[in-house]
PDB file of N, CA and C in Angstrom:
ATOM      1  N   MET A   1      68.788-116.094 -56.932  1.00  0.00           N
ATOM      2  CA  MET A   1      69.079-117.435 -56.518  1.00  0.00           C
ATOM      3  C   MET A   1      68.504-117.639 -55.124  1.00  0.00           C
ATOM      4  N   LYS A   2      67.742-118.690 -54.985  1.00  0.00           N
ATOM      5  CA  LYS A   2      67.083-118.973 -53.720  1.00  0.00           C
ATOM      6  C   LYS A   2      67.887-120.001 -52.943  1.00  0.00           C
ATOM      7  N   ILE A   3      68.292-119.618 -51.741  1.00  0.00           N
ATOM      8  CA  ILE A   3      69.032-120.546 -50.878  1.00  0.00           C
ATOM      9  C   ILE A   3      68.182-120.792 -49.642  1.00  0.00           C
ATOM     10  N   SER A   4      67.601-121.954 -49.562  1.00  0.00           N
ATOM     11  CA  SER A   4      66.765-122.261 -48.413  1.00  0.00           C
ATOM     12  C   SER A   4      67.332-123.422 -47.602  1.00  0.00           C
ATOM     13  N   ASP A   5      68.541-123.770 -47.863  1.00  0.00           N
ATOM     14  CA  ASP A   5      69.157-124.902 -47.178  1.00  0.00           C
ATOM     15  C   ASP A   5      69.449-124.542 -45.716  1.00  0.00           C
ATOM     16  N   GLY A   6      68.735-125.162 -44.820  1.00  0.00           N
ATOM     17  CA  GLY A   6      68.987-124.950 -43.397  1.00  0.00           C
ATOM     18  C   GLY A   6      68.416-123.663 -42.825  1.00  0.00           C
ATOM     19  N   PHE A   7      67.605-122.931 -43.601  1.00  0.00           N
ATOM     20  CA  PHE A   7      67.026-121.687 -43.078  1.00  0.00           C
ATOM     21  C   PHE A   7      65.738-122.002 -42.346  1.00  0.00           C
ATOM     22  N   ASP A   8      65.640-121.498 -41.135  1.00  0.00           N
ATOM     23  CA  ASP A   8      64.433-121.688 -40.347  1.00  0.00           C
ATOM     24  C   ASP A   8      64.001-120.321 -39.823  1.00  0.00           C
ATOM     25  N   ALA A   9      62.847-119.858 -40.267  1.00  0.00           N
ATOM     26  CA  ALA A   9      62.389-118.521 -39.881  1.00  0.00           C
ATOM     27  C   ALA A   9      62.050-118.443 -38.395  1.00  0.00           C
ATOM     28  N   ARG A  10      61.757-119.575 -37.773  1.00  0.00           N
ATOM     29  CA  ARG A  10      61.421-119.555 -36.345  1.00  0.00           C
ATOM     30  C   ARG A  10      62.610-119.182 -35.475  1.00  0.00           C
ATOM     31  N   ARG A  11      63.825-119.319 -36.007  1.00  0.00           N
ATOM     32  CA  ARG A  11      65.005-118.929 -35.227  1.00  0.00           C
ATOM     33  C   ARG A  11      65.121-117.421 -35.082  1.00  0.00           C
ATOM     34  N   LEU A  12      64.478-116.662 -35.968  1.00  0.00           N
ATOM     35  CA  LEU A  12      64.554-115.210 -35.881  1.00  0.00           C
ATOM     36  C   LEU A  12      63.764-114.671 -34.687  1.00  0.00           C
ATOM     37  N   ARG A  13      62.678-115.335 -34.343  1.00  0.00           N
ATOM     38  CA  ARG A  13      61.893-114.941 -33.178  1.00  0.00           C
ATOM     39  C   ARG A  13      62.031-116.036 -32.124  1.00  0.00           C
ATOM     40  N   PRO A  14      62.878-115.803 -31.145  1.00  0.00           N
ATOM     41  CA  PRO A  14      63.075-116.847 -30.136  1.00  0.00           C
ATOM     42  C   PRO A  14      61.846-116.992 -29.254  1.00  0.00           C
ATOM     43  N   LYS A  15      61.644-118.173 -28.754  1.00  0.00           N
ATOM     44  CA  LYS A  15      60.525-118.419 -27.858  1.00  0.00           C
ATOM     45  C   LYS A  15      60.870-117.821 -26.505  1.00  0.00           C
ATOM     46  N   GLY A  16      60.148-116.812 -26.132  1.00  0.00           N
ATOM     47  CA  GLY A  16      60.413-116.131 -24.871  1.00  0.00           C
ATOM     48  C   GLY A  16      59.765-116.844 -23.709  1.00  0.00           C
ATOM     49  N   GLN A  17      60.235-116.502 -22.530  1.00  0.00           N
ATOM     50  CA  GLN A  17      59.650-117.105 -21.352  1.00  0.00           C
ATOM     51  C   GLN A  17      58.309-116.448 -21.066  1.00  0.00           C
ATOM     52  N   SER A  18      57.567-117.041 -20.180  1.00  0.00           N
ATOM     53  CA  SER A  18      56.275-116.506 -19.811  1.00  0.00           C
ATOM     54  C   SER A  18      56.459-115.168 -19.102  1.00  0.00           C
ATOM     55  N   ASN A  19      55.600-114.227 -19.413  1.00  0.00           N
ATOM     56  CA  ASN A  19      55.760-112.896 -18.840  1.00  0.00           C
ATOM     57  C   ASN A  19      54.707-112.604 -17.774  1.00  0.00           C
ATOM     58  N   TRP A  20      54.363-113.611 -16.969  1.00  0.00           N
ATOM     59  CA  TRP A  20      53.413-113.398 -15.882  1.00  0.00           C
ATOM     60  C   TRP A  20      53.982-112.458 -14.830  1.00  0.00           C
ATOM     61  N   ARG A  21      55.283-112.523 -14.638  1.00  0.00           N
ATOM     62  CA  ARG A  21      55.919-111.649 -13.652  1.00  0.00           C
ATOM     63  C   ARG A  21      55.764-110.188 -14.056  1.00  0.00           C
ATOM     64  N   LEU A  22      55.950-109.915 -15.339  1.00  0.00           N
ATOM     65  CA  LEU A  22      55.799-108.543 -15.820  1.00  0.00           C
ATOM     66  C   LEU A  22      54.338-108.100 -15.827  1.00  0.00           C
ATOM     67  N   ARG A  23      53.429-109.016 -16.101  1.00  0.00           N
ATOM     68  CA  ARG A  23      52.004-108.672 -16.067  1.00  0.00           C
ATOM     69  C   ARG A  23      51.569-108.338 -14.645  1.00  0.00           C
ATOM     70  N   LEU A  24      52.008-109.139 -13.681  1.00  0.00           N
ATOM     71  CA  LEU A  24      51.680-108.849 -12.288  1.00  0.00           C
ATOM     72  C   LEU A  24      52.327-107.550 -11.838  1.00  0.00           C
ATOM     73  N   GLY A  25      53.530-107.278 -12.322  1.00  0.00           N
ATOM     74  CA  GLY A  25      54.188-106.012 -12.016  1.00  0.00           C
ATOM     75  C   GLY A  25      53.420-104.831 -12.579  1.00  0.00           C
ATOM     76  N   ALA A  26      52.880-104.980 -13.793  1.00  0.00           N
ATOM     77  CA  ALA A  26      52.105-103.904 -14.400  1.00  0.00           C
ATOM     78  C   ALA A  26      50.799-103.674 -13.643  1.00  0.00           C
ATOM     79  N   VAL A  27      50.173-104.747 -13.184  1.00  0.00           N
ATOM     80  CA  VAL A  27      48.942-104.602 -12.397  1.00  0.00           C
ATOM     81  C   VAL A  27      49.245-103.917 -11.069  1.00  0.00           C
ATOM     82  N   PHE A  28      50.319-104.332 -10.407  1.00  0.00           N
ATOM     83  CA  PHE A  28      50.722-103.699  -9.155  1.00  0.00           C
ATOM     84  C   PHE A  28      51.034-102.221  -9.370  1.00  0.00           C
ATOM     85  N   ALA A  29      51.715-101.906 -10.462  1.00  0.00           N
ATOM     86  CA  ALA A  29      52.057-100.511 -10.754  1.00  0.00           C
ATOM     87  C   ALA A  29      50.806 -99.684 -11.025  1.00  0.00           C
ATOM     88  N   ALA A  30      49.833-100.258 -11.717  1.00  0.00           N
ATOM     89  CA  ALA A  30      48.585 -99.529 -11.978  1.00  0.00           C
ATOM     90  C   ALA A  30      47.834 -99.272 -10.672  1.00  0.00           C
ATOM     91  N   LEU A  31      47.814-100.260  -9.775  1.00  0.00           N
ATOM     92  CA  LEU A  31      47.174-100.061  -8.473  1.00  0.00           C
ATOM     93  C   LEU A  31      47.918 -99.017  -7.649  1.00  0.00           C
ATOM     94  N   LEU A  32      49.236 -99.021  -7.750  1.00  0.00           N
ATOM     95  CA  LEU A  32      50.039 -98.028  -7.041  1.00  0.00           C
ATOM     96  C   LEU A  32      49.747 -96.622  -7.568  1.00  0.00           C
ATOM     97  N   ALA A  33      49.628 -96.487  -8.872  1.00  0.00           N
ATOM     98  CA  ALA A  33      49.305 -95.188  -9.469  1.00  0.00           C
ATOM     99  C   ALA A  33      47.903 -94.735  -9.053  1.00  0.00           C
ATOM    100  N   LEU A  34      46.959 -95.661  -9.002  1.00  0.00           N
ATOM    101  CA  LEU A  34      45.605 -95.321  -8.579  1.00  0.00           C
ATOM    102  C   LEU A  34      45.584 -94.877  -7.116  1.00  0.00           C
ATOM    103  N   PHE A  35      46.324 -95.579  -6.268  1.00  0.00           N
ATOM    104  CA  PHE A  35      46.419 -95.200  -4.858  1.00  0.00           C
ATOM    105  C   PHE A  35      47.048 -93.818  -4.706  1.00  0.00           C
ATOM    106  N   GLY A  36      48.092 -93.545  -5.485  1.00  0.00           N
ATOM    107  CA  GLY A  36      48.724 -92.227  -5.443  1.00  0.00           C
ATOM    108  C   GLY A  36      47.779 -91.135  -5.905  1.00  0.00           C
ATOM    109  N   LEU A  37      46.986 -91.421  -6.926  1.00  0.00           N
ATOM    110  CA  LEU A  37      46.022 -90.446  -7.416  1.00  0.00           C
ATOM    111  C   LEU A  37      44.973 -90.139  -6.351  1.00  0.00           C
ATOM    112  N   LEU A  38      44.451 -91.176  -5.711  1.00  0.00           N
ATOM    113  CA  LEU A  38      43.441 -90.967  -4.671  1.00  0.00           C
ATOM    114  C   LEU A  38      44.018 -90.221  -3.474  1.00  0.00           C
ATOM    115  N   LEU A  39      45.242 -90.547  -3.115  1.00  0.00           N
ATOM    116  CA  LEU A  39      45.880 -89.879  -1.985  1.00  0.00           C
ATOM    117  C   LEU A  39      46.130 -88.404  -2.286  1.00  0.00           C
ATOM    118  N   SER A  40      46.571 -88.101  -3.492  1.00  0.00           N
ATOM    119  CA  SER A  40      46.809 -86.701  -3.851  1.00  0.00           C
ATOM    120  C   SER A  40      45.493 -85.935  -3.970  1.00  0.00           C
ATOM    121  N   LEU A  41      44.418 -86.585  -4.429  1.00  0.00           N
ATOM    122  CA  LEU A  41      43.116 -85.929  -4.477  1.00  0.00           C
ATOM    123  C   LEU A  41      42.607 -85.623  -3.066  1.00  0.00           C
ATOM    124  N   ALA A  42      42.831 -86.537  -2.135  1.00  0.00           N
ATOM    125  CA  ALA A  42      42.422 -86.293  -0.753  1.00  0.00           C
ATOM    126  C   ALA A  42      43.212 -85.132  -0.153  1.00  0.00           C
ATOM    127  N   GLY A  43      44.500 -85.077  -0.428  1.00  0.00           N
ATOM    128  CA  GLY A  43      45.314 -83.960   0.063  1.00  0.00           C
ATOM    129  C   GLY A  43      44.911 -82.641  -0.565  1.00  0.00           C
ATOM    130  N   GLY A  44      44.623 -82.659  -1.852  1.00  0.00           N
ATOM    131  CA  GLY A  44      44.190 -81.437  -2.537  1.00  0.00           C
ATOM    132  C   GLY A  44      42.831 -80.963  -2.047  1.00  0.00           C
ATOM    133  N   ALA A  45      41.924 -81.890  -1.756  1.00  0.00           N
ATOM    134  CA  ALA A  45      40.606 -81.506  -1.236  1.00  0.00           C
ATOM    135  C   ALA A  45      40.737 -80.904   0.156  1.00  0.00           C
ATOM    136  N   ALA A  46      41.618 -81.452   0.973  1.00  0.00           N
ATOM    137  CA  ALA A  46      41.811 -80.900   2.311  1.00  0.00           C
ATOM    138  C   ALA A  46      42.466 -79.522   2.241  1.00  0.00           C
ATOM    139  N   LEU A  47      43.361 -79.307   1.285  1.00  0.00           N
ATOM    140  CA  LEU A  47      43.993 -77.989   1.146  1.00  0.00           C
ATOM    141  C   LEU A  47      43.007 -76.936   0.643  1.00  0.00           C
ATOM    142  N   SER A  48      42.048 -77.359  -0.169  1.00  0.00           N
ATOM    143  CA  SER A  48      41.097 -76.391  -0.712  1.00  0.00           C
ATOM    144  C   SER A  48      39.994 -76.041   0.271  1.00  0.00           C
ATOM    145  N   GLY A  49      39.957 -76.676   1.455  1.00  0.00           N
ATOM    146  CA  GLY A  49      39.008 -76.311   2.488  1.00  0.00           C
ATOM    147  C   GLY A  49      37.818 -77.235   2.612  1.00  0.00           C
ATOM    148  N   HIS A  50      37.765 -78.287   1.837  1.00  0.00           N
ATOM    149  CA  HIS A  50      36.665 -79.238   1.966  1.00  0.00           C
ATOM    150  C   HIS A  50      36.879 -80.100   3.205  1.00  0.00           C
ATOM    151  N   SER A  51      35.879 -80.848   3.531  1.00  0.00           N
ATOM    152  CA  SER A  51      35.977 -81.682   4.732  1.00  0.00           C
ATOM    153  C   SER A  51      37.106 -82.688   4.581  1.00  0.00           C
ATOM    154  N   PRO A  52      37.802 -82.996   5.663  1.00  0.00           N
ATOM    155  CA  PRO A  52      38.931 -83.928   5.568  1.00  0.00           C
ATOM    156  C   PRO A  52      38.473 -85.322   5.156  1.00  0.00           C
ATOM    157  N   ALA A  53      39.166 -85.883   4.202  1.00  0.00           N
ATOM    158  CA  ALA A  53      38.790 -87.196   3.675  1.00  0.00           C
ATOM    159  C   ALA A  53      39.366 -88.333   4.506  1.00  0.00           C
ATOM    160  N   LEU A  54      40.456 -88.092   5.203  1.00  0.00           N
ATOM    161  CA  LEU A  54      41.101 -89.154   5.971  1.00  0.00           C
ATOM    162  C   LEU A  54      41.072 -88.889   7.470  1.00  0.00           C
ATOM    163  N   GLY A  55      40.101 -88.162   7.941  1.00  0.00           N
ATOM    164  CA  GLY A  55      39.935 -87.927   9.371  1.00  0.00           C
ATOM    165  C   GLY A  55      40.997 -87.002   9.926  1.00  0.00           C
ATOM    166  N   GLU A  56      41.638 -87.423  10.993  1.00  0.00           N
ATOM    167  CA  GLU A  56      42.628 -86.593  11.678  1.00  0.00           C
ATOM    168  C   GLU A  56      43.937 -86.463  10.918  1.00  0.00           C
ATOM    169  N   LEU A  57      44.135 -87.282   9.905  1.00  0.00           N
ATOM    170  CA  LEU A  57      45.424 -87.303   9.210  1.00  0.00           C
ATOM    171  C   LEU A  57      45.688 -86.015   8.435  1.00  0.00           C
ATOM    172  N   ASN A  58      44.651 -85.442   7.871  1.00  0.00           N
ATOM    173  CA  ASN A  58      44.887 -84.245   7.053  1.00  0.00           C
ATOM    174  C   ASN A  58      44.004 -83.071   7.450  1.00  0.00           C
ATOM    175  N   THR A  59      43.799 -82.876   8.745  1.00  0.00           N
ATOM    176  CA  THR A  59      43.013 -81.719   9.183  1.00  0.00           C
ATOM    177  C   THR A  59      43.835 -80.439   9.135  1.00  0.00           C
ATOM    178  N   SER A  60      45.135 -80.529   9.334  1.00  0.00           N
ATOM    179  CA  SER A  60      45.980 -79.342   9.280  1.00  0.00           C
ATOM    180  C   SER A  60      46.476 -79.133   7.843  1.00  0.00           C
ATOM    181  N   PRO A  61      46.774 -77.896   7.476  1.00  0.00           N
ATOM    182  CA  PRO A  61      47.291 -77.645   6.116  1.00  0.00           C
ATOM    183  C   PRO A  61      48.634 -78.326   5.859  1.00  0.00           C
ATOM    184  N   GLY A  62      49.466 -78.452   6.891  1.00  0.00           N
ATOM    185  CA  GLY A  62      50.745 -79.133   6.710  1.00  0.00           C
ATOM    186  C   GLY A  62      50.569 -80.618   6.397  1.00  0.00           C
ATOM    187  N   GLY A  63      49.647 -81.256   7.119  1.00  0.00           N
ATOM    188  CA  GLY A  63      49.366 -82.672   6.857  1.00  0.00           C
ATOM    189  C   GLY A  63      48.753 -82.885   5.487  1.00  0.00           C
ATOM    190  N   ALA A  64      47.898 -81.946   5.081  1.00  0.00           N
ATOM    191  CA  ALA A  64      47.286 -82.058   3.752  1.00  0.00           C
ATOM    192  C   ALA A  64      48.328 -81.881   2.655  1.00  0.00           C
ATOM    193  N   ALA A  65      49.278 -80.983   2.880  1.00  0.00           N
ATOM    194  CA  ALA A  65      50.343 -80.786   1.890  1.00  0.00           C
ATOM    195  C   ALA A  65      51.227 -82.023   1.796  1.00  0.00           C
ATOM    196  N   VAL A  66      51.500 -82.653   2.954  1.00  0.00           N
ATOM    197  CA  VAL A  66      52.292 -83.890   2.941  1.00  0.00           C
ATOM    198  C   VAL A  66      51.551 -84.981   2.177  1.00  0.00           C
ATOM    199  N   LEU A  67      50.236 -85.083   2.381  1.00  0.00           N
ATOM    200  CA  LEU A  67      49.447 -86.071   1.637  1.00  0.00           C
ATOM    201  C   LEU A  67      49.477 -85.793   0.134  1.00  0.00           C
ATOM    202  N   LEU A  68      49.367 -84.526  -0.224  1.00  0.00           N
ATOM    203  CA  LEU A  68      49.375 -84.164  -1.645  1.00  0.00           C
ATOM    204  C   LEU A  68      50.715 -84.510  -2.285  1.00  0.00           C
ATOM    205  N   VAL A  69      51.805 -84.131  -1.646  1.00  0.00           N
ATOM    206  CA  VAL A  69      53.136 -84.398  -2.210  1.00  0.00           C
ATOM    207  C   VAL A  69      53.423 -85.899  -2.217  1.00  0.00           C
ATOM    208  N   GLY A  70      53.068 -86.585  -1.137  1.00  0.00           N
ATOM    209  CA  GLY A  70      53.276 -88.036  -1.090  1.00  0.00           C
ATOM    210  C   GLY A  70      52.456 -88.773  -2.142  1.00  0.00           C
ATOM    211  N   GLY A  71      51.220 -88.332  -2.334  1.00  0.00           N
ATOM    212  CA  GLY A  71      50.372 -88.934  -3.357  1.00  0.00           C
ATOM    213  C   GLY A  71      50.916 -88.722  -4.755  1.00  0.00           C
ATOM    214  N   LEU A  72      51.446 -87.522  -5.015  1.00  0.00           N
ATOM    215  CA  LEU A  72      52.029 -87.259  -6.333  1.00  0.00           C
ATOM    216  C   LEU A  72      53.285 -88.095  -6.562  1.00  0.00           C
ATOM    217  N   LEU A  73      54.084 -88.284  -5.511  1.00  0.00           N
ATOM    218  CA  LEU A  73      55.280 -89.134  -5.657  1.00  0.00           C
ATOM    219  C   LEU A  73      54.905 -90.589  -5.908  1.00  0.00           C
ATOM    220  N   ILE A  74      53.895 -91.076  -5.204  1.00  0.00           N
ATOM    221  CA  ILE A  74      53.450 -92.463  -5.408  1.00  0.00           C
ATOM    222  C   ILE A  74      52.842 -92.607  -6.803  1.00  0.00           C
ATOM    223  N   LEU A  75      52.104 -91.602  -7.244  1.00  0.00           N
ATOM    224  CA  LEU A  75      51.554 -91.626  -8.606  1.00  0.00           C
ATOM    225  C   LEU A  75      52.659 -91.677  -9.645  1.00  0.00           C
ATOM    226  N   TRP A  76      53.682 -90.848  -9.476  1.00  0.00           N
ATOM    227  CA  TRP A  76      54.808 -90.840 -10.411  1.00  0.00           C
ATOM    228  C   TRP A  76      55.517 -92.189 -10.417  1.00  0.00           C
ATOM    229  N   LEU A  77      55.731 -92.761  -9.233  1.00  0.00           N
ATOM    230  CA  LEU A  77      56.386 -94.065  -9.146  1.00  0.00           C
ATOM    231  C   LEU A  77      55.562 -95.150  -9.830  1.00  0.00           C
ATOM    232  N   GLY A  78      54.252 -95.132  -9.638  1.00  0.00           N
ATOM    233  CA  GLY A  78      53.380 -96.121 -10.272  1.00  0.00           C
ATOM    234  C   GLY A  78      53.384 -96.022 -11.784  1.00  0.00           C
ATOM    235  N   VAL A  79      53.318 -94.804 -12.301  1.00  0.00           N
ATOM    236  CA  VAL A  79      53.328 -94.617 -13.761  1.00  0.00           C
ATOM    237  C   VAL A  79      54.673 -95.029 -14.342  1.00  0.00           C
ATOM    238  N   TRP A  80      55.770 -94.670 -13.655  1.00  0.00           N
ATOM    239  CA  TRP A  80      57.106 -95.052 -14.123  1.00  0.00           C
ATOM    240  C   TRP A  80      57.266 -96.561 -14.148  1.00  0.00           C
ATOM    241  N   LEU A  81      56.811 -97.242 -13.096  1.00  0.00           N
ATOM    242  CA  LEU A  81      56.927 -98.699 -13.029  1.00  0.00           C
ATOM    243  C   LEU A  81      56.036 -99.364 -14.067  1.00  0.00           C
ATOM    244  N   TRP A  82      54.836 -98.831 -14.282  1.00  0.00           N
ATOM    245  CA  TRP A  82      53.929 -99.397 -15.274  1.00  0.00           C
ATOM    246  C   TRP A  82      54.515 -99.270 -16.677  1.00  0.00           C
ATOM    247  N   ARG A  83      55.068 -98.099 -17.002  1.00  0.00           N
ATOM    248  CA  ARG A  83      55.678 -97.924 -18.321  1.00  0.00           C
ATOM    249  C   ARG A  83      56.871 -98.831 -18.517  1.00  0.00           C
ATOM    250  N   ARG A  84      57.662 -99.031 -17.462  1.00  0.00           N
ATOM    251  CA  ARG A  84      58.829 -99.915 -17.562  1.00  0.00           C
ATOM    252  C   ARG A  84      58.411-101.365 -17.789  1.00  0.00           C
ATOM    253  N   CYS A  85      57.373-101.810 -17.078  1.00  0.00           N
ATOM    254  CA  CYS A  85      56.881-103.177 -17.274  1.00  0.00           C
ATOM    255  C   CYS A  85      56.311-103.356 -18.677  1.00  0.00           C
ATOM    256  N   ARG A  86      55.556-102.376 -19.166  1.00  0.00           N
ATOM    257  CA  ARG A  86      55.000-102.479 -20.513  1.00  0.00           C
ATOM    258  C   ARG A  86      56.101-102.514 -21.572  1.00  0.00           C
ATOM    259  N   ARG A  87      57.144-101.719 -21.369  1.00  0.00           N
ATOM    260  CA  ARG A  87      58.253-101.704 -22.317  1.00  0.00           C
ATOM    261  C   ARG A  87      58.978-103.043 -22.322  1.00  0.00           C
ATOM    262  N   ARG A  88      59.174-103.635 -21.155  1.00  0.00           N
ATOM    263  CA  ARG A  88      59.871-104.916 -21.091  1.00  0.00           C
ATOM    264  C   ARG A  88      59.012-106.062 -21.592  1.00  0.00           C
ATOM    265  N   MET A  89      57.669-105.922 -21.523  1.00  0.00           N
ATOM    266  CA  MET A  89      56.801-106.965 -22.070  1.00  0.00           C
ATOM    267  C   MET A  89      56.870-106.992 -23.592  1.00  0.00           C
ATOM    268  N   ARG A  90      57.065-105.844 -24.215  1.00  0.00           N
ATOM    269  CA  ARG A  90      57.130-105.775 -25.674  1.00  0.00           C
ATOM    270  C   ARG A  90      58.518-106.051 -26.215  1.00  0.00           C
ATOM    271  N   GLU A  91      59.513-106.053 -25.370  1.00  0.00           N
ATOM    272  CA  GLU A  91      60.905-106.217 -25.793  1.00  0.00           C
ATOM    273  C   GLU A  91      61.196-107.557 -26.473  1.00  0.00           C
ATOM    274  N   PRO A  92      60.688-108.685 -25.979  1.00  0.00           N
ATOM    275  CA  PRO A  92      61.033-109.959 -26.616  1.00  0.00           C
ATOM    276  C   PRO A  92      60.473-110.138 -28.026  1.00  0.00           C
ATOM    277  N   LEU A  93      59.627-109.220 -28.482  1.00  0.00           N
ATOM    278  CA  LEU A  93      59.064-109.358 -29.818  1.00  0.00           C
ATOM    279  C   LEU A  93      60.033-108.934 -30.916  1.00  0.00           C
ATOM    280  N   ALA A  94      61.184-108.420 -30.546  1.00  0.00           N
ATOM    281  CA  ALA A  94      62.150-107.951 -31.530  1.00  0.00           C
ATOM    282  C   ALA A  94      62.804-109.134 -32.242  1.00  0.00           C
ATOM    283  N   LEU A  95      63.199-108.913 -33.461  1.00  0.00           N
ATOM    284  CA  LEU A  95      63.865-109.950 -34.235  1.00  0.00           C
ATOM    285  C   LEU A  95      65.327-110.075 -33.819  1.00  0.00           C
ATOM    286  N   ASN A  96      65.844-111.276 -33.842  1.00  0.00           N
ATOM    287  CA  ASN A  96      67.262-111.499 -33.591  1.00  0.00           C
ATOM    288  C   ASN A  96      68.002-111.446 -34.921  1.00  0.00           C
ATOM    289  N   ILE A  97      68.177-110.271 -35.423  1.00  0.00           N
ATOM    290  CA  ILE A  97      68.840-110.089 -36.695  1.00  0.00           C
ATOM    291  C   ILE A  97      69.780-108.892 -36.542  1.00  0.00           C
ATOM    292  N   ALA A  98      70.850-108.903 -37.286  1.00  0.00           N
ATOM    293  CA  ALA A  98      71.816-107.820 -37.173  1.00  0.00           C
ATOM    294  C   ALA A  98      71.183-106.498 -37.562  1.00  0.00           C
ATOM    295  N   SER A  99      71.534-105.439 -36.833  1.00  0.00           N
ATOM    296  CA  SER A  99      70.894-104.156 -37.069  1.00  0.00           C
ATOM    297  C   SER A  99      71.220-103.583 -38.436  1.00  0.00           C
ATOM    298  N   HIS A 100      72.384-103.915 -38.999  1.00  0.00           N
ATOM    299  CA  HIS A 100      72.716-103.353 -40.307  1.00  0.00           C
ATOM    300  C   HIS A 100      71.947-104.049 -41.438  1.00  0.00           C
ATOM    301  N   LEU A 101      71.284-105.163 -41.154  1.00  0.00           N
ATOM    302  CA  LEU A 101      70.480-105.845 -42.159  1.00  0.00           C
ATOM    303  C   LEU A 101      69.016-105.370 -42.140  1.00  0.00           C
ATOM    304  N   MET A 102      68.653-104.623 -41.119  1.00  0.00           N
ATOM    305  CA  MET A 102      67.276-104.137 -41.020  1.00  0.00           C
ATOM    306  C   MET A 102      67.073-102.952 -41.971  1.00  0.00           C
ATOM    307  N   LYS A 103      65.816-102.611 -42.202  1.00  0.00           N
ATOM    308  CA  LYS A 103      65.493-101.509 -43.099  1.00  0.00           C
ATOM    309  C   LYS A 103      65.898-100.183 -42.435  1.00  0.00           C
ATOM    310  N   LYS A 104      66.478 -99.324 -43.210  1.00  0.00           N
ATOM    311  CA  LYS A 104      66.928 -98.030 -42.691  1.00  0.00           C
ATOM    312  C   LYS A 104      65.756 -97.073 -42.622  1.00  0.00           C
ATOM    313  N   HIS A 105      65.597 -96.382 -41.486  1.00  0.00           N
ATOM    314  CA  HIS A 105      64.567 -95.360 -41.317  1.00  0.00           C
ATOM    315  C   HIS A 105      65.256 -94.033 -41.054  1.00  0.00           C
ATOM    316  N   ASP A 106      65.345 -93.199 -42.055  1.00  0.00           N
ATOM    317  CA  ASP A 106      66.017 -91.896 -41.904  1.00  0.00           C
ATOM    318  C   ASP A 106      65.010 -90.784 -41.800  1.00  0.00           C
TER     319      ASP A 106
END
């Protein structure tokens, strides 16, 4: 028996707001990760004995180690923020339907 009285499929997928904020956040996070990668590469190059990439900032081994650790932390923060923004951008695509009515995946 087909009951189509008052059923509107568009109600299952609500119209979400614009996600420019999340897109800009993802771009910022990618730039942050790139900056962290470059900073950690500069610290690693200074630790391995190559010429200092940032002048007086990493001429000593202690300064180079600080650059390496700081760069890795900034890289981790950028990747974490980028993944969070990407996850939240895909979130509104979910259906507004009760979970017990969805197909079971065991």
